[in-house]
Amino acid sequence: MKYQSHSFRRWLDYWPGKKLLGIYRFLPAFFILGAALEFSMINWTVGETNFYNTYKRRQAKNILEERLHAEESEKSGQ
């Protein structure tokens, strides 16, 4: 059983570029939404941190753990 919302379909039909781009007419909107999300992840801070600070901190922690693990395996191998 398919659910179809007539008001949603009517709204989609009003979206410009149907003849020229077909289903791909929504691509610019998704591109803009993705850019807005990326911008918010970079520039919006909560307290003193944002997404990229958290990501960099996690990457540094992973690199440190890998080095410690490699050193431990070298010591146990000797």
PDB file of N, CA and C in Angstrom:
ATOM      1  N   MET A   1       0.834  -1.174   0.000  1.00  0.00           N
ATOM      2  CA  MET A   1       0.000   0.000   0.000  1.00  0.00           C
ATOM      3  C   MET A   1       0.882   1.241   0.000  1.00  0.00           C
ATOM      4  N   LYS A   2       0.727   2.077  -0.993  1.00  0.00           N
ATOM      5  CA  LYS A   2       1.507   3.295  -1.088  1.00  0.00           C
ATOM      6  C   LYS A   2       0.733   4.442  -0.467  1.00  0.00           C
ATOM      7  N   TYR A   3       1.462   5.266   0.245  1.00  0.00           N
ATOM      8  CA  TYR A   3       0.872   6.476   0.808  1.00  0.00           C
ATOM      9  C   TYR A   3       1.284   7.645  -0.081  1.00  0.00           C
ATOM     10  N   GLN A   4       0.324   8.397  -0.556  1.00  0.00           N
ATOM     11  CA  GLN A   4       0.612   9.546  -1.395  1.00  0.00           C
ATOM     12  C   GLN A   4      -0.040  10.780  -0.800  1.00  0.00           C
ATOM     13  N   SER A   5       0.776  11.770  -0.578  1.00  0.00           N
ATOM     14  CA  SER A   5       0.268  13.046  -0.092  1.00  0.00           C
ATOM     15  C   SER A   5       0.071  13.962  -1.286  1.00  0.00           C
ATOM     16  N   HIS A   6      -1.150  14.301  -1.547  1.00  0.00           N
ATOM     17  CA  HIS A   6      -1.447  15.128  -2.709  1.00  0.00           C
ATOM     18  C   HIS A   6      -0.904  16.545  -2.542  1.00  0.00           C
ATOM     19  N   SER A   7      -0.952  17.060  -1.336  1.00  0.00           N
ATOM     20  CA  SER A   7      -0.431  18.419  -1.128  1.00  0.00           C
ATOM     21  C   SER A   7       1.093  18.437  -1.304  1.00  0.00           C
ATOM     22  N   PHE A   8       1.778  17.388  -0.857  1.00  0.00           N
ATOM     23  CA  PHE A   8       3.231  17.314  -1.031  1.00  0.00           C
ATOM     24  C   PHE A   8       3.579  17.165  -2.508  1.00  0.00           C
ATOM     25  N   ARG A   9       2.848  16.333  -3.210  1.00  0.00           N
ATOM     26  CA  ARG A   9       3.093  16.158  -4.650  1.00  0.00           C
ATOM     27  C   ARG A   9       2.832  17.468  -5.398  1.00  0.00           C
ATOM     28  N   ARG A  10       1.804  18.197  -5.010  1.00  0.00           N
ATOM     29  CA  ARG A  10       1.505  19.474  -5.643  1.00  0.00           C
ATOM     30  C   ARG A  10       2.642  20.466  -5.380  1.00  0.00           C
ATOM     31  N   TRP A  11       3.174  20.455  -4.148  1.00  0.00           N
ATOM     32  CA  TRP A  11       4.308  21.321  -3.809  1.00  0.00           C
ATOM     33  C   TRP A  11       5.535  20.949  -4.638  1.00  0.00           C
ATOM     34  N   LEU A  12       5.785  19.663  -4.821  1.00  0.00           N
ATOM     35  CA  LEU A  12       6.911  19.232  -5.647  1.00  0.00           C
ATOM     36  C   LEU A  12       6.728  19.619  -7.105  1.00  0.00           C
ATOM     37  N   ASP A  13       5.502  19.594  -7.589  1.00  0.00           N
ATOM     38  CA  ASP A  13       5.244  19.992  -8.973  1.00  0.00           C
ATOM     39  C   ASP A  13       5.463  21.482  -9.198  1.00  0.00           C
ATOM     40  N   TYR A  14       5.337  22.293  -8.159  1.00  0.00           N
ATOM     41  CA  TYR A  14       5.589  23.724  -8.290  1.00  0.00           C
ATOM     42  C   TYR A  14       7.074  24.054  -8.340  1.00  0.00           C
ATOM     43  N   TRP A  15       7.923  23.108  -7.959  1.00  0.00           N
ATOM     44  CA  TRP A  15       9.373  23.337  -7.954  1.00  0.00           C
ATOM     45  C   TRP A  15       9.838  23.578  -9.393  1.00  0.00           C
ATOM     46  N   PRO A  16      10.586  24.644  -9.644  1.00  0.00           N
ATOM     47  CA  PRO A  16      10.977  24.977 -11.022  1.00  0.00           C
ATOM     48  C   PRO A  16      11.985  23.997 -11.613  1.00  0.00           C
ATOM     49  N   GLY A  17      12.005  23.919 -12.940  1.00  0.00           N
ATOM     50  CA  GLY A  17      12.995  23.129 -13.667  1.00  0.00           C
ATOM     51  C   GLY A  17      12.590  21.716 -13.978  1.00  0.00           C
ATOM     52  N   LYS A  18      11.322  21.395 -13.911  1.00  0.00           N
ATOM     53  CA  LYS A  18      10.875  20.019 -14.116  1.00  0.00           C
ATOM     54  C   LYS A  18      11.164  19.538 -15.531  1.00  0.00           C
ATOM     55  N   LYS A  19      10.913  20.371 -16.531  1.00  0.00           N
ATOM     56  CA  LYS A  19      11.151  19.949 -17.911  1.00  0.00           C
ATOM     57  C   LYS A  19      12.632  19.900 -18.246  1.00  0.00           C
ATOM     58  N   LEU A  20      13.394  20.834 -17.724  1.00  0.00           N
ATOM     59  CA  LEU A  20      14.806  20.931 -18.064  1.00  0.00           C
ATOM     60  C   LEU A  20      15.653  19.894 -17.337  1.00  0.00           C
ATOM     61  N   LEU A  21      15.448  19.730 -16.032  1.00  0.00           N
ATOM     62  CA  LEU A  21      16.319  18.870 -15.225  1.00  0.00           C
ATOM     63  C   LEU A  21      15.664  17.583 -14.744  1.00  0.00           C
ATOM     64  N   GLY A  22      14.360  17.496 -14.783  1.00  0.00           N
ATOM     65  CA  GLY A  22      13.669  16.299 -14.314  1.00  0.00           C
ATOM     66  C   GLY A  22      13.821  16.143 -12.808  1.00  0.00           C
ATOM     67  N   ILE A  23      14.149  14.941 -12.378  1.00  0.00           N
ATOM     68  CA  ILE A  23      14.292  14.666 -10.939  1.00  0.00           C
ATOM     69  C   ILE A  23      15.496  15.383 -10.339  1.00  0.00           C
ATOM     70  N   TYR A  24      16.453  15.752 -11.174  1.00  0.00           N
ATOM     71  CA  TYR A  24      17.664  16.403 -10.686  1.00  0.00           C
ATOM     72  C   TYR A  24      17.454  17.876 -10.369  1.00  0.00           C
ATOM     73  N   ARG A  25      16.253  18.371 -10.500  1.00  0.00           N
ATOM     74  CA  ARG A  25      15.993  19.775 -10.215  1.00  0.00           C
ATOM     75  C   ARG A  25      16.120  20.082  -8.728  1.00  0.00           C
ATOM     76  N   PHE A  26      16.114  19.071  -7.886  1.00  0.00           N
ATOM     77  CA  PHE A  26      16.247  19.279  -6.443  1.00  0.00           C
ATOM     78  C   PHE A  26      17.709  19.321  -6.010  1.00  0.00           C
ATOM     79  N   LEU A  27      18.622  18.951  -6.889  1.00  0.00           N
ATOM     80  CA  LEU A  27      20.032  18.882  -6.557  1.00  0.00           C
ATOM     81  C   LEU A  27      20.599  20.202  -6.034  1.00  0.00           C
ATOM     82  N   PRO A  28      20.315  21.354  -6.645  1.00  0.00           N
ATOM     83  CA  PRO A  28      20.846  22.606  -6.088  1.00  0.00           C
ATOM     84  C   PRO A  28      20.373  22.878  -4.656  1.00  0.00           C
ATOM     85  N   ALA A  29      19.146  22.520  -4.350  1.00  0.00           N
ATOM     86  CA  ALA A  29      18.638  22.727  -2.991  1.00  0.00           C
ATOM     87  C   ALA A  29      19.414  21.865  -2.000  1.00  0.00           C
ATOM     88  N   PHE A  30      19.685  20.615  -2.364  1.00  0.00           N
ATOM     89  CA  PHE A  30      20.439  19.742  -1.466  1.00  0.00           C
ATOM     90  C   PHE A  30      21.887  20.203  -1.334  1.00  0.00           C
ATOM     91  N   PHE A  31      22.438  20.745  -2.421  1.00  0.00           N
ATOM     92  CA  PHE A  31      23.790  21.288  -2.357  1.00  0.00           C
ATOM     93  C   PHE A  31      23.843  22.456  -1.383  1.00  0.00           C
ATOM     94  N   ILE A  32      22.860  23.334  -1.452  1.00  0.00           N
ATOM     95  CA  ILE A  32      22.811  24.489  -0.550  1.00  0.00           C
ATOM     96  C   ILE A  32      22.603  24.040   0.891  1.00  0.00           C
ATOM     97  N   LEU A  33      21.746  23.052   1.105  1.00  0.00           N
ATOM     98  CA  LEU A  33      21.543  22.530   2.463  1.00  0.00           C
ATOM     99  C   LEU A  33      22.816  21.906   3.020  1.00  0.00           C
ATOM    100  N   GLY A  34      23.553  21.181   2.181  1.00  0.00           N
ATOM    101  CA  GLY A  34      24.815  20.592   2.614  1.00  0.00           C
ATOM    102  C   GLY A  34      25.852  21.647   2.950  1.00  0.00           C
ATOM    103  N   ALA A  35      25.913  22.703   2.138  1.00  0.00           N
ATOM    104  CA  ALA A  35      26.844  23.800   2.410  1.00  0.00           C
ATOM    105  C   ALA A  35      26.471  24.513   3.712  1.00  0.00           C
ATOM    106  N   ALA A  36      25.182  24.688   3.950  1.00  0.00           N
ATOM    107  CA  ALA A  36      24.734  25.327   5.194  1.00  0.00           C
ATOM    108  C   ALA A  36      25.082  24.459   6.405  1.00  0.00           C
ATOM    109  N   LEU A  37      24.928  23.151   6.270  1.00  0.00           N
ATOM    110  CA  LEU A  37      25.295  22.252   7.357  1.00  0.00           C
ATOM    111  C   LEU A  37      26.790  22.319   7.636  1.00  0.00           C
ATOM    112  N   GLU A  38      27.601  22.296   6.590  1.00  0.00           N
ATOM    113  CA  GLU A  38      29.049  22.390   6.751  1.00  0.00           C
ATOM    114  C   GLU A  38      29.438  23.722   7.391  1.00  0.00           C
ATOM    115  N   PHE A  39      28.826  24.794   6.945  1.00  0.00           N
ATOM    116  CA  PHE A  39      29.101  26.114   7.522  1.00  0.00           C
ATOM    117  C   PHE A  39      28.756  26.134   9.010  1.00  0.00           C
ATOM    118  N   SER A  40      27.629  25.550   9.357  1.00  0.00           N
ATOM    119  CA  SER A  40      27.233  25.538  10.768  1.00  0.00           C
ATOM    120  C   SER A  40      28.176  24.679  11.604  1.00  0.00           C
ATOM    121  N   MET A  41      28.651  23.581  11.037  1.00  0.00           N
ATOM    122  CA  MET A  41      29.573  22.723  11.781  1.00  0.00           C
ATOM    123  C   MET A  41      30.901  23.428  12.032  1.00  0.00           C
ATOM    124  N   ILE A  42      31.322  24.281  11.117  1.00  0.00           N
ATOM    125  CA  ILE A  42      32.587  25.001  11.267  1.00  0.00           C
ATOM    126  C   ILE A  42      32.434  26.192  12.200  1.00  0.00           C
ATOM    127  N   ASN A  43      31.390  26.959  12.042  1.00  0.00           N
ATOM    128  CA  ASN A  43      31.313  28.264  12.699  1.00  0.00           C
ATOM    129  C   ASN A  43      30.495  28.314  13.977  1.00  0.00           C
ATOM    130  N   TRP A  44      29.566  27.434  14.174  1.00  0.00           N
ATOM    131  CA  TRP A  44      28.773  27.495  15.397  1.00  0.00           C
ATOM    132  C   TRP A  44      29.508  26.784  16.507  1.00  0.00           C
ATOM    133  N   THR A  45      29.665  27.474  17.622  1.00  0.00           N
ATOM    134  CA  THR A  45      30.333  26.878  18.763  1.00  0.00           C
ATOM    135  C   THR A  45      29.348  26.736  19.917  1.00  0.00           C
ATOM    136  N   VAL A  46      29.536  25.684  20.664  1.00  0.00           N
ATOM    137  CA  VAL A  46      28.773  25.458  21.881  1.00  0.00           C
ATOM    138  C   VAL A  46      29.791  25.497  23.003  1.00  0.00           C
ATOM    139  N   GLY A  47      29.716  26.523  23.813  1.00  0.00           N
ATOM    140  CA  GLY A  47      30.758  26.724  24.810  1.00  0.00           C
ATOM    141  C   GLY A  47      32.024  27.172  24.091  1.00  0.00           C
ATOM    142  N   GLU A  48      33.066  26.355  24.183  1.00  0.00           N
ATOM    143  CA  GLU A  48      34.315  26.672  23.491  1.00  0.00           C
ATOM    144  C   GLU A  48      34.654  25.636  22.440  1.00  0.00           C
ATOM    145  N   THR A  49      33.711  24.830  22.044  1.00  0.00           N
ATOM    146  CA  THR A  49      34.008  23.762  21.095  1.00  0.00           C
ATOM    147  C   THR A  49      33.004  23.761  19.948  1.00  0.00           C
ATOM    148  N   ASN A  50      33.447  23.238  18.824  1.00  0.00           N
ATOM    149  CA  ASN A  50      32.566  23.005  17.688  1.00  0.00           C
ATOM    150  C   ASN A  50      32.889  21.622  17.130  1.00  0.00           C
ATOM    151  N   PHE A  51      32.278  21.275  16.033  1.00  0.00           N
ATOM    152  CA  PHE A  51      32.441  19.934  15.489  1.00  0.00           C
ATOM    153  C   PHE A  51      33.890  19.634  15.132  1.00  0.00           C
ATOM    154  N   TYR A  52      34.558  20.574  14.475  1.00  0.00           N
ATOM    155  CA  TYR A  52      35.906  20.302  14.008  1.00  0.00           C
ATOM    156  C   TYR A  52      36.911  20.242  15.147  1.00  0.00           C
ATOM    157  N   ASN A  53      36.720  21.023  16.199  1.00  0.00           N
ATOM    158  CA  ASN A  53      37.602  20.886  17.366  1.00  0.00           C
ATOM    159  C   ASN A  53      37.466  19.497  17.969  1.00  0.00           C
ATOM    160  N   THR A  54      36.236  19.024  18.071  1.00  0.00           N
ATOM    161  CA  THR A  54      35.995  17.691  18.603  1.00  0.00           C
ATOM    162  C   THR A  54      36.600  16.631  17.696  1.00  0.00           C
ATOM    163  N   TYR A  55      36.461  16.789  16.396  1.00  0.00           N
ATOM    164  CA  TYR A  55      37.012  15.832  15.437  1.00  0.00           C
ATOM    165  C   TYR A  55      38.536  15.801  15.507  1.00  0.00           C
ATOM    166  N   LYS A  56      39.179  16.964  15.556  1.00  0.00           N
ATOM    167  CA  LYS A  56      40.637  17.023  15.641  1.00  0.00           C
ATOM    168  C   LYS A  56      41.133  16.379  16.936  1.00  0.00           C
ATOM    169  N   ARG A  57      40.441  16.641  18.030  1.00  0.00           N
ATOM    170  CA  ARG A  57      40.833  16.059  19.316  1.00  0.00           C
ATOM    171  C   ARG A  57      40.730  14.532  19.264  1.00  0.00           C
ATOM    172  N   ARG A  58      39.673  14.029  18.651  1.00  0.00           N
ATOM    173  CA  ARG A  58      39.488  12.580  18.545  1.00  0.00           C
ATOM    174  C   ARG A  58      40.556  11.955  17.640  1.00  0.00           C
ATOM    175  N   GLN A  59      40.891  12.620  16.529  1.00  0.00           N
ATOM    176  CA  GLN A  59      41.939  12.122  15.638  1.00  0.00           C
ATOM    177  C   GLN A  59      43.278  12.079  16.355  1.00  0.00           C
ATOM    178  N   ALA A  60      43.612  13.117  17.119  1.00  0.00           N
ATOM    179  CA  ALA A  60      44.871  13.142  17.861  1.00  0.00           C
ATOM    180  C   ALA A  60      44.907  12.006  18.884  1.00  0.00           C
ATOM    181  N   LYS A  61      43.778  11.760  19.540  1.00  0.00           N
ATOM    182  CA  LYS A  61      43.706  10.673  20.518  1.00  0.00           C
ATOM    183  C   LYS A  61      43.905   9.321  19.836  1.00  0.00           C
ATOM    184  N   ASN A  62      43.304   9.120  18.664  1.00  0.00           N
ATOM    185  CA  ASN A  62      43.465   7.860  17.928  1.00  0.00           C
ATOM    186  C   ASN A  62      44.913   7.645  17.498  1.00  0.00           C
ATOM    187  N   ILE A  63      45.568   8.711  17.016  1.00  0.00           N
ATOM    188  CA  ILE A  63      46.972   8.597  16.600  1.00  0.00           C
ATOM    189  C   ILE A  63      47.852   8.244  17.790  1.00  0.00           C
ATOM    190  N   LEU A  64      47.614   8.883  18.918  1.00  0.00           N
ATOM    191  CA  LEU A  64      48.389   8.594  20.125  1.00  0.00           C
ATOM    192  C   LEU A  64      48.185   7.153  20.573  1.00  0.00           C
ATOM    193  N   GLU A  65      46.940   6.677  20.556  1.00  0.00           N
ATOM    194  CA  GLU A  65      46.672   5.297  20.950  1.00  0.00           C
ATOM    195  C   GLU A  65      47.352   4.305  20.005  1.00  0.00           C
ATOM    196  N   GLU A  66      47.369   4.604  18.704  1.00  0.00           N
ATOM    197  CA  GLU A  66      48.044   3.724  17.749  1.00  0.00           C
ATOM    198  C   GLU A  66      49.542   3.680  18.003  1.00  0.00           C
ATOM    199  N   ARG A  67      50.151   4.823  18.294  1.00  0.00           N
ATOM    200  CA  ARG A  67      51.592   4.854  18.583  1.00  0.00           C
ATOM    201  C   ARG A  67      51.913   4.091  19.857  1.00  0.00           C
ATOM    202  N   LEU A  68      51.098   4.277  20.892  1.00  0.00           N
ATOM    203  CA  LEU A  68      51.333   3.552  22.141  1.00  0.00           C
ATOM    204  C   LEU A  68      51.181   2.047  21.930  1.00  0.00           C
ATOM    205  N   HIS A  69      50.187   1.665  21.143  1.00  0.00           N
ATOM    206  CA  HIS A  69      49.981   0.254  20.858  1.00  0.00           C
ATOM    207  C   HIS A  69      51.158  -0.315  20.061  1.00  0.00           C
ATOM    208  N   ALA A  70      51.676   0.463  19.113  1.00  0.00           N
ATOM    209  CA  ALA A  70      52.827   0.013  18.322  1.00  0.00           C
ATOM    210  C   ALA A  70      54.058  -0.117  19.193  1.00  0.00           C
ATOM    211  N   GLU A  71      54.265   0.821  20.117  1.00  0.00           N
ATOM    212  CA  GLU A  71      55.417   0.745  21.023  1.00  0.00           C
ATOM    213  C   GLU A  71      55.306  -0.462  21.947  1.00  0.00           C
ATOM    214  N   GLU A  72      54.104  -0.727  22.437  1.00  0.00           N
ATOM    215  CA  GLU A  72      53.914  -1.881  23.319  1.00  0.00           C
ATOM    216  C   GLU A  72      54.164  -3.179  22.578  1.00  0.00           C
ATOM    217  N   SER A  73      53.728  -3.260  21.336  1.00  0.00           N
ATOM    218  CA  SER A  73      53.936  -4.494  20.575  1.00  0.00           C
ATOM    219  C   SER A  73      55.408  -4.657  20.218  1.00  0.00           C
ATOM    220  N   GLU A  74      56.155  -3.567  20.006  1.00  0.00           N
ATOM    221  CA  GLU A  74      57.594  -3.655  19.760  1.00  0.00           C
ATOM    222  C   GLU A  74      58.324  -4.140  21.006  1.00  0.00           C
ATOM    223  N   LYS A  75      57.938  -3.617  22.165  1.00  0.00           N
ATOM    224  CA  LYS A  75      58.589  -4.012  23.421  1.00  0.00           C
ATOM    225  C   LYS A  75      58.288  -5.474  23.747  1.00  0.00           C
ATOM    226  N   SER A  76      57.079  -5.911  23.515  1.00  0.00           N
ATOM    227  CA  SER A  76      56.727  -7.289  23.840  1.00  0.00           C
ATOM    228  C   SER A  76      57.345  -8.261  22.806  1.00  0.00           C
ATOM    229  N   GLY A  77      57.643  -7.777  21.612  1.00  0.00           N
ATOM    230  CA  GLY A  77      58.245  -8.613  20.574  1.00  0.00           C
ATOM    231  C   GLY A  77      59.727  -8.817  20.779  1.00  0.00           C
ATOM    232  N   GLN A  78      60.379  -7.944  21.517  1.00  0.00           N
ATOM    233  CA  GLN A  78      61.828  -8.064  21.721  1.00  0.00           C
ATOM    234  C   GLN A  78      62.183  -8.991  22.813  1.00  0.00           C
TER     235      GLN A  78
END
